[in-house]
């Protein structure tokens, strides 16, 4: 991949020649002359410790970058949407009565 093809916030597939054993997916945070700083967002379980040690960030040379397939992108988006859901719980009639009497 070339520097001109990469923009901030792009999601790219990458491989590391030293730190990580398997390919991973990252979001471009900063672009340098010959490399980019990626925030690692998807990786193999075998690299969990290494990713943690790197604080989910790694510098990768342009020659080790590829665009992410549409299939992989959909998987990542599905995981991002399924993180946390918050719902408001309705109060029961008994709780409402207790709350009303406490206000008076």
PDB file of N, CA and C in Angstrom:
ATOM      1  N   UNK A   1       0.836  -1.178   0.000  1.00  0.00           N
ATOM      2  CA  UNK A   1       0.000   0.000   0.000  1.00  0.00           C
ATOM      3  C   UNK A   1       0.887   1.249   0.000  1.00  0.00           C
ATOM      4  N   UNK A   2       0.400   2.333  -0.564  1.00  0.00           N
ATOM      5  CA  UNK A   2       1.169   3.571  -0.647  1.00  0.00           C
ATOM      6  C   UNK A   2       0.621   4.606   0.336  1.00  0.00           C
ATOM      7  N   UNK A   3       1.456   5.550   0.691  1.00  0.00           N
ATOM      8  CA  UNK A   3       1.068   6.604   1.627  1.00  0.00           C
ATOM      9  C   UNK A   3      -0.165   7.355   1.133  1.00  0.00           C
ATOM     10  N   UNK A   4      -0.247   7.610  -0.165  1.00  0.00           N
ATOM     11  CA  UNK A   4      -1.373   8.348  -0.744  1.00  0.00           C
ATOM     12  C   UNK A   4      -2.699   7.604  -0.582  1.00  0.00           C
ATOM     13  N   UNK A   5      -2.648   6.285  -0.432  1.00  0.00           N
ATOM     14  CA  UNK A   5      -3.860   5.470  -0.303  1.00  0.00           C
ATOM     15  C   UNK A   5      -4.403   5.425   1.118  1.00  0.00           C
ATOM     16  N   UNK A   6      -3.627   5.901   2.075  1.00  0.00           N
ATOM     17  CA  UNK A   6      -3.996   5.782   3.489  1.00  0.00           C
ATOM     18  C   UNK A   6      -4.458   7.128   4.031  1.00  0.00           C
ATOM     19  N   UNK A   7      -5.586   7.096   4.767  1.00  0.00           N
ATOM     20  CA  UNK A   7      -6.124   8.298   5.405  1.00  0.00           C
ATOM     21  C   UNK A   7      -6.374   8.009   6.883  1.00  0.00           C
ATOM     22  N   UNK A   8      -6.382   9.053   7.688  1.00  0.00           N
ATOM     23  CA  UNK A   8      -6.683   8.899   9.109  1.00  0.00           C
ATOM     24  C   UNK A   8      -8.066   8.275   9.263  1.00  0.00           C
ATOM     25  N   UNK A   9      -8.223   7.420  10.254  1.00  0.00           N
ATOM     26  CA  UNK A   9      -9.467   6.704  10.587  1.00  0.00           C
ATOM     27  C   UNK A   9      -9.807   5.570   9.626  1.00  0.00           C
ATOM     28  N   UNK A  10      -8.950   5.263   8.653  1.00  0.00           N
ATOM     29  CA  UNK A  10      -9.158   4.088   7.796  1.00  0.00           C
ATOM     30  C   UNK A  10      -8.999   2.822   8.634  1.00  0.00           C
ATOM     31  N   UNK A  11      -9.755   1.796   8.287  1.00  0.00           N
ATOM     32  CA  UNK A  11      -9.615   0.485   8.916  1.00  0.00           C
ATOM     33  C   UNK A  11      -8.822  -0.385   7.939  1.00  0.00           C
ATOM     34  N   UNK A  12      -7.681  -0.900   8.405  1.00  0.00           N
ATOM     35  CA  UNK A  12      -6.792  -1.662   7.531  1.00  0.00           C
ATOM     36  C   UNK A  12      -6.382  -2.982   8.165  1.00  0.00           C
ATOM     37  N   UNK A  13      -6.097  -3.946   7.315  1.00  0.00           N
ATOM     38  CA  UNK A  13      -5.533  -5.216   7.752  1.00  0.00           C
ATOM     39  C   UNK A  13      -4.018  -5.075   7.689  1.00  0.00           C
ATOM     40  N   UNK A  14      -3.340  -5.661   8.671  1.00  0.00           N
ATOM     41  CA  UNK A  14      -1.883  -5.517   8.711  1.00  0.00           C
ATOM     42  C   UNK A  14      -1.238  -6.767   9.276  1.00  0.00           C
ATOM     43  N   UNK A  15       0.067  -6.854   9.065  1.00  0.00           N
ATOM     44  CA  UNK A  15       0.844  -7.911   9.702  1.00  0.00           C
ATOM     45  C   UNK A  15       2.100  -7.274  10.264  1.00  0.00           C
ATOM     46  N   UNK A  16       2.567  -7.837  11.355  1.00  0.00           N
ATOM     47  CA  UNK A  16       3.770  -7.329  11.993  1.00  0.00           C
ATOM     48  C   UNK A  16       4.874  -8.350  11.798  1.00  0.00           C
ATOM     49  N   UNK A  17       6.047  -7.877  11.471  1.00  0.00           N
ATOM     50  CA  UNK A  17       7.159  -8.798  11.249  1.00  0.00           C
ATOM     51  C   UNK A  17       7.799  -9.241  12.558  1.00  0.00           C
ATOM     52  N   UNK A  18       7.511  -8.541  13.651  1.00  0.00           N
ATOM     53  CA  UNK A  18       8.181  -8.863  14.906  1.00  0.00           C
ATOM     54  C   UNK A  18       7.228  -9.123  16.072  1.00  0.00           C
ATOM     55  N   UNK A  19       6.358  -8.172  16.385  1.00  0.00           N
ATOM     56  CA  UNK A  19       5.584  -8.236  17.620  1.00  0.00           C
ATOM     57  C   UNK A  19       4.445  -9.259  17.623  1.00  0.00           C
ATOM     58  N   UNK A  20       3.646  -9.293  16.563  1.00  0.00           N
ATOM     59  CA  UNK A  20       2.467 -10.160  16.525  1.00  0.00           C
ATOM     60  C   UNK A  20       2.675 -11.307  15.538  1.00  0.00           C
ATOM     61  N   UNK A  21       2.155 -12.484  15.900  1.00  0.00           N
ATOM     62  CA  UNK A  21       2.367 -13.667  15.067  1.00  0.00           C
ATOM     63  C   UNK A  21       1.343 -13.797  13.940  1.00  0.00           C
ATOM     64  N   UNK A  22       0.154 -13.254  14.127  1.00  0.00           N
ATOM     65  CA  UNK A  22      -0.931 -13.379  13.146  1.00  0.00           C
ATOM     66  C   UNK A  22      -1.316 -12.006  12.598  1.00  0.00           C
ATOM     67  N   UNK A  23      -1.958 -11.967  11.423  1.00  0.00           N
ATOM     68  CA  UNK A  23      -2.463 -10.686  10.895  1.00  0.00           C
ATOM     69  C   UNK A  23      -3.523 -10.106  11.834  1.00  0.00           C
ATOM     70  N   UNK A  24      -3.704  -8.802  11.779  1.00  0.00           N
ATOM     71  CA  UNK A  24      -4.659  -8.125  12.645  1.00  0.00           C
ATOM     72  C   UNK A  24      -5.297  -6.966  11.892  1.00  0.00           C
ATOM     73  N   UNK A  25      -6.312  -6.352  12.500  1.00  0.00           N
ATOM     74  CA  UNK A  25      -7.006  -5.214  11.905  1.00  0.00           C
ATOM     75  C   UNK A  25      -6.821  -4.016  12.826  1.00  0.00           C
ATOM     76  N   UNK A  26      -6.553  -2.863  12.219  1.00  0.00           N
ATOM     77  CA  UNK A  26      -6.342  -1.666  13.019  1.00  0.00           C
ATOM     78  C   UNK A  26      -6.916  -0.428  12.367  1.00  0.00           C
ATOM     79  N   UNK A  27      -7.100   0.604  13.195  1.00  0.00           N
ATOM     80  CA  UNK A  27      -7.605   1.895  12.735  1.00  0.00           C
ATOM     81  C   UNK A  27      -6.438   2.876  12.695  1.00  0.00           C
ATOM     82  N   UNK A  28      -6.288   3.576  11.582  1.00  0.00           N
ATOM     83  CA  UNK A  28      -5.176   4.514  11.407  1.00  0.00           C
ATOM     84  C   UNK A  28      -5.362   5.715  12.331  1.00  0.00           C
ATOM     85  N   UNK A  29      -4.369   5.943  13.195  1.00  0.00           N
ATOM     86  CA  UNK A  29      -4.401   7.095  14.091  1.00  0.00           C
ATOM     87  C   UNK A  29      -3.474   8.208  13.619  1.00  0.00           C
ATOM     88  N   UNK A  30      -2.324   7.841  13.058  1.00  0.00           N
ATOM     89  CA  UNK A  30      -1.353   8.836  12.611  1.00  0.00           C
ATOM     90  C   UNK A  30      -0.574   8.275  11.429  1.00  0.00           C
ATOM     91  N   UNK A  31      -0.247   9.145  10.485  1.00  0.00           N
ATOM     92  CA  UNK A  31       0.496   8.739   9.296  1.00  0.00           C
ATOM     93  C   UNK A  31       1.893   9.357   9.340  1.00  0.00           C
ATOM     94  N   UNK A  32       2.894   8.507   9.187  1.00  0.00           N
ATOM     95  CA  UNK A  32       4.289   8.947   9.147  1.00  0.00           C
ATOM     96  C   UNK A  32       4.802   8.855   7.708  1.00  0.00           C
ATOM     97  N   UNK A  33       6.081   9.103   7.504  1.00  0.00           N
ATOM     98  CA  UNK A  33       6.670   9.091   6.163  1.00  0.00           C
ATOM     99  C   UNK A  33       6.612   7.705   5.505  1.00  0.00           C
ATOM    100  N   UNK A  34       6.980   6.653   6.239  1.00  0.00           N
ATOM    101  CA  UNK A  34       7.020   5.293   5.684  1.00  0.00           C
ATOM    102  C   UNK A  34       6.122   4.302   6.414  1.00  0.00           C
ATOM    103  N   UNK A  35       5.349   4.788   7.390  1.00  0.00           N
ATOM    104  CA  UNK A  35       4.552   3.881   8.217  1.00  0.00           C
ATOM    105  C   UNK A  35       3.347   4.600   8.807  1.00  0.00           C
ATOM    106  N   UNK A  36       2.513   3.841   9.505  1.00  0.00           N
ATOM    107  CA  UNK A  36       1.340   4.406  10.181  1.00  0.00           C
ATOM    108  C   UNK A  36       1.261   3.879  11.605  1.00  0.00           C
ATOM    109  N   UNK A  37       0.623   4.654  12.470  1.00  0.00           N
ATOM    110  CA  UNK A  37       0.315   4.211  13.823  1.00  0.00           C
ATOM    111  C   UNK A  37      -1.103   3.671  13.793  1.00  0.00           C
ATOM    112  N   UNK A  38      -1.265   2.395  14.162  1.00  0.00           N
ATOM    113  CA  UNK A  38      -2.580   1.760  14.166  1.00  0.00           C
ATOM    114  C   UNK A  38      -3.040   1.478  15.587  1.00  0.00           C
ATOM    115  N   UNK A  39      -4.337   1.678  15.830  1.00  0.00           N
ATOM    116  CA  UNK A  39      -4.960   1.202  17.059  1.00  0.00           C
ATOM    117  C   UNK A  39      -5.515  -0.170  16.713  1.00  0.00           C
ATOM    118  N   UNK A  40      -5.029  -1.197  17.380  1.00  0.00           N
ATOM    119  CA  UNK A  40      -5.419  -2.574  17.069  1.00  0.00           C
ATOM    120  C   UNK A  40      -6.845  -2.808  17.559  1.00  0.00           C
ATOM    121  N   UNK A  41      -7.744  -3.174  16.634  1.00  0.00           N
ATOM    122  CA  UNK A  41      -9.143  -3.367  17.012  1.00  0.00           C
ATOM    123  C   UNK A  41      -9.618  -4.810  16.865  1.00  0.00           C
ATOM    124  N   UNK A  42      -8.903  -5.622  16.109  1.00  0.00           N
ATOM    125  CA  UNK A  42      -9.266  -7.034  15.965  1.00  0.00           C
ATOM    126  C   UNK A  42      -7.988  -7.835  15.747  1.00  0.00           C
ATOM    127  N   UNK A  43      -7.826  -8.910  16.532  1.00  0.00           N
ATOM    128  CA  UNK A  43      -6.587  -9.682  16.476  1.00  0.00           C
ATOM    129  C   UNK A  43      -6.850 -11.127  16.880  1.00  0.00           C
ATOM    130  N   UNK A  44      -5.899 -11.997  16.609  1.00  0.00           N
ATOM    131  CA  UNK A  44      -5.985 -13.411  16.953  1.00  0.00           C
ATOM    132  C   UNK A  44      -5.777 -13.590  18.460  1.00  0.00           C
ATOM    133  N   UNK A  45      -6.473 -14.558  19.033  1.00  0.00           N
ATOM    134  CA  UNK A  45      -6.352 -14.816  20.476  1.00  0.00           C
ATOM    135  C   UNK A  45      -4.921 -15.143  20.886  1.00  0.00           C
ATOM    136  N   UNK A  46      -4.151 -15.711  19.974  1.00  0.00           N
ATOM    137  CA  UNK A  46      -2.760 -16.068  20.273  1.00  0.00           C
ATOM    138  C   UNK A  46      -1.913 -14.827  20.569  1.00  0.00           C
ATOM    139  N   UNK A  47      -2.345 -13.674  20.072  1.00  0.00           N
ATOM    140  CA  UNK A  47      -1.592 -12.431  20.258  1.00  0.00           C
ATOM    141  C   UNK A  47      -2.142 -11.544  21.373  1.00  0.00           C
ATOM    142  N   UNK A  48      -3.060 -12.066  22.168  1.00  0.00           N
ATOM    143  CA  UNK A  48      -3.721 -11.254  23.195  1.00  0.00           C
ATOM    144  C   UNK A  48      -2.721 -10.579  24.139  1.00  0.00           C
ATOM    145  N   UNK A  49      -1.745 -11.319  24.637  1.00  0.00           N
ATOM    146  CA  UNK A  49      -0.758 -10.765  25.566  1.00  0.00           C
ATOM    147  C   UNK A  49       0.089  -9.694  24.890  1.00  0.00           C
ATOM    148  N   UNK A  50       0.526  -9.963  23.671  1.00  0.00           N
ATOM    149  CA  UNK A  50       1.357  -9.000  22.941  1.00  0.00           C
ATOM    150  C   UNK A  50       0.590  -7.704  22.676  1.00  0.00           C
ATOM    151  N   UNK A  51      -0.685  -7.817  22.299  1.00  0.00           N
ATOM    152  CA  UNK A  51      -1.510  -6.634  22.036  1.00  0.00           C
ATOM    153  C   UNK A  51      -1.660  -5.812  23.314  1.00  0.00           C
ATOM    154  N   UNK A  52      -1.869  -6.491  24.417  1.00  0.00           N
ATOM    155  CA  UNK A  52      -1.976  -5.804  25.703  1.00  0.00           C
ATOM    156  C   UNK A  52      -0.673  -5.087  26.048  1.00  0.00           C
ATOM    157  N   UNK A  53       0.454  -5.759  25.835  1.00  0.00           N
ATOM    158  CA  UNK A  53       1.764  -5.150  26.102  1.00  0.00           C
ATOM    159  C   UNK A  53       1.998  -3.911  25.234  1.00  0.00           C
ATOM    160  N   UNK A  54       1.445  -3.916  24.037  1.00  0.00           N
ATOM    161  CA  UNK A  54       1.593  -2.789  23.114  1.00  0.00           C
ATOM    162  C   UNK A  54       0.562  -1.680  23.364  1.00  0.00           C
ATOM    163  N   UNK A  55      -0.298  -1.871  24.360  1.00  0.00           N
ATOM    164  CA  UNK A  55      -1.385  -0.918  24.652  1.00  0.00           C
ATOM    165  C   UNK A  55      -2.295  -0.701  23.443  1.00  0.00           C
ATOM    166  N   UNK A  56      -2.555  -1.764  22.705  1.00  0.00           N
ATOM    167  CA  UNK A  56      -3.416  -1.775  21.525  1.00  0.00           C
ATOM    168  C   UNK A  56      -2.943  -0.823  20.429  1.00  0.00           C
ATOM    169  N   UNK A  57      -1.657  -0.475  20.397  1.00  0.00           N
ATOM    170  CA  UNK A  57      -1.134   0.401  19.342  1.00  0.00           C
ATOM    171  C   UNK A  57       0.158  -0.164  18.783  1.00  0.00           C
ATOM    172  N   UNK A  58       0.357   0.039  17.474  1.00  0.00           N
ATOM    173  CA  UNK A  58       1.559  -0.470  16.823  1.00  0.00           C
ATOM    174  C   UNK A  58       1.865   0.372  15.578  1.00  0.00           C
ATOM    175  N   UNK A  59       3.133   0.530  15.282  1.00  0.00           N
ATOM    176  CA  UNK A  59       3.568   1.221  14.066  1.00  0.00           C
ATOM    177  C   UNK A  59       3.870   0.157  13.011  1.00  0.00           C
ATOM    178  N   UNK A  60       3.275   0.324  11.826  1.00  0.00           N
ATOM    179  CA  UNK A  60       3.409  -0.669  10.756  1.00  0.00           C
ATOM    180  C   UNK A  60       3.848   0.026   9.464  1.00  0.00           C
ATOM    181  N   UNK A  61       4.783  -0.583   8.762  1.00  0.00           N
ATOM    182  CA  UNK A  61       5.260  -0.082   7.477  1.00  0.00           C
ATOM    183  C   UNK A  61       4.151  -0.216   6.431  1.00  0.00           C
ATOM    184  N   UNK A  62       4.105   0.704   5.471  1.00  0.00           N
ATOM    185  CA  UNK A  62       3.081   0.664   4.419  1.00  0.00           C
ATOM    186  C   UNK A  62       3.072  -0.656   3.661  1.00  0.00           C
ATOM    187  N   UNK A  63       4.224  -1.284   3.477  1.00  0.00           N
ATOM    188  CA  UNK A  63       4.282  -2.531   2.707  1.00  0.00           C
ATOM    189  C   UNK A  63       3.559  -3.681   3.413  1.00  0.00           C
ATOM    190  N   UNK A  64       3.276  -3.538   4.715  1.00  0.00           N
ATOM    191  CA  UNK A  64       2.590  -4.581   5.476  1.00  0.00           C
ATOM    192  C   UNK A  64       1.113  -4.275   5.710  1.00  0.00           C
ATOM    193  N   UNK A  65       0.548  -3.354   4.932  1.00  0.00           N
ATOM    194  CA  UNK A  65      -0.858  -2.970   5.067  1.00  0.00           C
ATOM    195  C   UNK A  65      -1.673  -3.446   3.876  1.00  0.00           C
ATOM    196  N   UNK A  66      -2.943  -3.791   4.145  1.00  0.00           N
ATOM    197  CA  UNK A  66      -3.893  -4.159   3.095  1.00  0.00           C
ATOM    198  C   UNK A  66      -5.251  -3.581   3.471  1.00  0.00           C
ATOM    199  N   UNK A  67      -6.111  -3.421   2.476  1.00  0.00           N
ATOM    200  CA  UNK A  67      -7.474  -3.007   2.780  1.00  0.00           C
ATOM    201  C   UNK A  67      -8.216  -4.184   3.399  1.00  0.00           C
ATOM    202  N   UNK A  68      -9.194  -3.894   4.224  1.00  0.00           N
ATOM    203  CA  UNK A  68      -9.969  -4.938   4.891  1.00  0.00           C
ATOM    204  C   UNK A  68     -11.079  -5.403   3.957  1.00  0.00           C
ATOM    205  N   UNK A  69     -11.307  -6.707   3.905  1.00  0.00           N
ATOM    206  CA  UNK A  69     -12.384  -7.244   3.070  1.00  0.00           C
ATOM    207  C   UNK A  69     -13.736  -6.797   3.628  1.00  0.00           C
ATOM    208  N   UNK A  70     -14.737  -6.714   2.765  1.00  0.00           N
ATOM    209  CA  UNK A  70     -16.072  -6.283   3.197  1.00  0.00           C
ATOM    210  C   UNK A  70     -16.644  -7.240   4.233  1.00  0.00           C
ATOM    211  N   UNK A  71     -16.363  -8.526   4.081  1.00  0.00           N
ATOM    212  CA  UNK A  71     -16.851  -9.531   5.028  1.00  0.00           C
ATOM    213  C   UNK A  71     -16.282  -9.268   6.422  1.00  0.00           C
ATOM    214  N   UNK A  72     -14.984  -9.031   6.490  1.00  0.00           N
ATOM    215  CA  UNK A  72     -14.324  -8.766   7.771  1.00  0.00           C
ATOM    216  C   UNK A  72     -14.838  -7.464   8.379  1.00  0.00           C
ATOM    217  N   UNK A  73     -15.077  -6.453   7.549  1.00  0.00           N
ATOM    218  CA  UNK A  73     -15.582  -5.170   8.024  1.00  0.00           C
ATOM    219  C   UNK A  73     -16.960  -5.340   8.661  1.00  0.00           C
ATOM    220  N   UNK A  74     -17.821  -6.161   8.054  1.00  0.00           N
ATOM    221  CA  UNK A  74     -19.150  -6.406   8.616  1.00  0.00           C
ATOM    222  C   UNK A  74     -19.051  -7.114   9.959  1.00  0.00           C
ATOM    223  N   UNK A  75     -18.117  -8.054  10.083  1.00  0.00           N
ATOM    224  CA  UNK A  75     -17.910  -8.750  11.360  1.00  0.00           C
ATOM    225  C   UNK A  75     -17.507  -7.766  12.452  1.00  0.00           C
ATOM    226  N   UNK A  76     -16.600  -6.871  12.130  1.00  0.00           N
ATOM    227  CA  UNK A  76     -16.122  -5.886  13.104  1.00  0.00           C
ATOM    228  C   UNK A  76     -17.254  -4.945  13.511  1.00  0.00           C
ATOM    229  N   UNK A  77     -18.050  -4.498  12.556  1.00  0.00           N
ATOM    230  CA  UNK A  77     -19.166  -3.606  12.857  1.00  0.00           C
ATOM    231  C   UNK A  77     -20.209  -4.308  13.717  1.00  0.00           C
ATOM    232  N   UNK A  78     -20.458  -5.588  13.458  1.00  0.00           N
ATOM    233  CA  UNK A  78     -21.414  -6.346  14.260  1.00  0.00           C
ATOM    234  C   UNK A  78     -20.935  -6.467  15.702  1.00  0.00           C
ATOM    235  N   UNK A  79     -19.643  -6.706  15.887  1.00  0.00           N
ATOM    236  CA  UNK A  79     -19.089  -6.786  17.237  1.00  0.00           C
ATOM    237  C   UNK A  79     -19.182  -5.447  17.949  1.00  0.00           C
ATOM    238  N   UNK A  80     -18.956  -4.367  17.232  1.00  0.00           N
ATOM    239  CA  UNK A  80     -19.010  -3.033  17.834  1.00  0.00           C
ATOM    240  C   UNK A  80     -20.424  -2.700  18.300  1.00  0.00           C
ATOM    241  N   UNK A  81     -21.426  -3.150  17.567  1.00  0.00           N
ATOM    242  CA  UNK A  81     -22.812  -2.870  17.931  1.00  0.00           C
ATOM    243  C   UNK A  81     -23.291  -3.728  19.088  1.00  0.00           C
ATOM    244  N   UNK A  82     -22.677  -4.876  19.313  1.00  0.00           N
ATOM    245  CA  UNK A  82     -23.160  -5.798  20.338  1.00  0.00           C
ATOM    246  C   UNK A  82     -22.449  -5.639  21.677  1.00  0.00           C
ATOM    247  N   UNK A  83     -21.699  -4.562  21.852  1.00  0.00           N
ATOM    248  CA  UNK A  83     -20.939  -4.390  23.088  1.00  0.00           C
ATOM    249  C   UNK A  83     -21.830  -4.298  24.328  1.00  0.00           C
ATOM    250  N   UNK A  84     -22.557  -3.203  24.478  1.00  0.00           N
ATOM    251  CA  UNK A  84     -23.343  -2.990  25.687  1.00  0.00           C
ATOM    252  C   UNK A  84     -24.682  -2.372  25.316  1.00  0.00           C
ATOM    253  N   UNK A  85     -25.730  -2.876  25.937  1.00  0.00           N
ATOM    254  CA  UNK A  85     -27.051  -2.295  25.756  1.00  0.00           C
ATOM    255  C   UNK A  85     -27.604  -1.949  27.130  1.00  0.00           C
ATOM    256  N   UNK A  86     -28.158  -0.741  27.251  1.00  0.00           N
ATOM    257  CA  UNK A  86     -28.703  -0.280  28.520  1.00  0.00           C
ATOM    258  C   UNK A  86     -30.195  -0.072  28.350  1.00  0.00           C
ATOM    259  N   UNK A  87     -30.957  -0.596  29.301  1.00  0.00           N
ATOM    260  CA  UNK A  87     -32.400  -0.423  29.264  1.00  0.00           C
ATOM    261  C   UNK A  87     -32.863   0.183  30.574  1.00  0.00           C
ATOM    262  N   UNK A  88     -33.910   0.979  30.496  1.00  0.00           N
ATOM    263  CA  UNK A  88     -34.500   1.547  31.696  1.00  0.00           C
ATOM    264  C   UNK A  88     -35.507   0.536  32.233  1.00  0.00           C
ATOM    265  N   UNK A  89     -35.437   0.282  33.523  1.00  0.00           N
ATOM    266  CA  UNK A  89     -36.325  -0.702  34.142  1.00  0.00           C
ATOM    267  C   UNK A  89     -37.508   0.031  34.761  1.00  0.00           C
ATOM    268  N   UNK A  90     -38.712  -0.465  34.480  1.00  0.00           N
ATOM    269  CA  UNK A  90     -39.919   0.146  35.031  1.00  0.00           C
ATOM    270  C   UNK A  90     -40.021  -0.163  36.518  1.00  0.00           C
ATOM    271  N   UNK A  91     -40.511   0.825  37.274  1.00  0.00           N
ATOM    272  CA  UNK A  91     -40.727   0.607  38.704  1.00  0.00           C
ATOM    273  C   UNK A  91     -42.041  -0.141  38.895  1.00  0.00           C
ATOM    274  N   UNK A  92     -42.054  -1.001  39.880  1.00  0.00           N
ATOM    275  CA  UNK A  92     -43.287  -1.718  40.193  1.00  0.00           C
ATOM    276  C   UNK A  92     -44.227  -0.772  40.940  1.00  0.00           C
ATOM    277  N   UNK A  93     -45.485  -1.136  41.054  1.00  0.00           N
ATOM    278  CA  UNK A  93     -46.475  -0.312  41.743  1.00  0.00           C
ATOM    279  C   UNK A  93     -46.069  -0.091  43.201  1.00  0.00           C
ATOM    280  N   UNK A  94     -45.511  -1.121  43.826  1.00  0.00           N
ATOM    281  CA  UNK A  94     -45.085  -1.022  45.225  1.00  0.00           C
ATOM    282  C   UNK A  94     -43.953  -0.003  45.368  1.00  0.00           C
ATOM    283  N   UNK A  95     -42.998  -0.034  44.452  1.00  0.00           N
ATOM    284  CA  UNK A  95     -41.885   0.918  44.498  1.00  0.00           C
ATOM    285  C   UNK A  95     -42.371   2.345  44.271  1.00  0.00           C
ATOM    286  N   UNK A  96     -43.345   2.513  43.369  1.00  0.00           N
ATOM    287  CA  UNK A  96     -43.897   3.844  43.111  1.00  0.00           C
ATOM    288  C   UNK A  96     -44.580   4.389  44.356  1.00  0.00           C
ATOM    289  N   UNK A  97     -45.339   3.534  45.026  1.00  0.00           N
ATOM    290  CA  UNK A  97     -46.039   3.959  46.236  1.00  0.00           C
ATOM    291  C   UNK A  97     -45.041   4.361  47.319  1.00  0.00           C
ATOM    292  N   UNK A  98     -43.981   3.600  47.473  1.00  0.00           N
ATOM    293  CA  UNK A  98     -42.951   3.901  48.466  1.00  0.00           C
ATOM    294  C   UNK A  98     -42.264   5.221  48.134  1.00  0.00           C
ATOM    295  N   UNK A  99     -41.975   5.446  46.882  1.00  0.00           N
ATOM    296  CA  UNK A  99     -41.324   6.682  46.450  1.00  0.00           C
ATOM    297  C   UNK A  99     -42.235   7.882  46.692  1.00  0.00           C
ATOM    298  N   UNK A 100     -43.537   7.727  46.381  1.00  0.00           N
ATOM    299  CA  UNK A 100     -44.495   8.818  46.571  1.00  0.00           C
ATOM    300  C   UNK A 100     -44.642   9.182  48.046  1.00  0.00           C
ATOM    301  N   UNK A 101     -44.686   8.199  48.930  1.00  0.00           N
ATOM    302  CA  UNK A 101     -44.838   8.479  50.365  1.00  0.00           C
ATOM    303  C   UNK A 101     -43.574   9.104  50.937  1.00  0.00           C
ATOM    304  N   UNK A 102     -42.429   8.758  50.417  1.00  0.00           N
ATOM    305  CA  UNK A 102     -41.167   9.337  50.890  1.00  0.00           C
ATOM    306  C   UNK A 102     -41.048  10.810  50.495  1.00  0.00           C
ATOM    307  N   UNK A 103     -41.659  11.199  49.393  1.00  0.00           N
ATOM    308  CA  UNK A 103     -41.605  12.589  48.940  1.00  0.00           C
ATOM    309  C   UNK A 103     -42.428  13.500  49.839  1.00  0.00           C
ATOM    310  N   UNK A 104     -43.482  12.963  50.430  1.00  0.00           N
ATOM    311  CA  UNK A 104     -44.389  13.775  51.252  1.00  0.00           C
ATOM    312  C   UNK A 104     -43.809  13.925  52.594  1.00  0.00           C
TER     313      UNK A 104
END
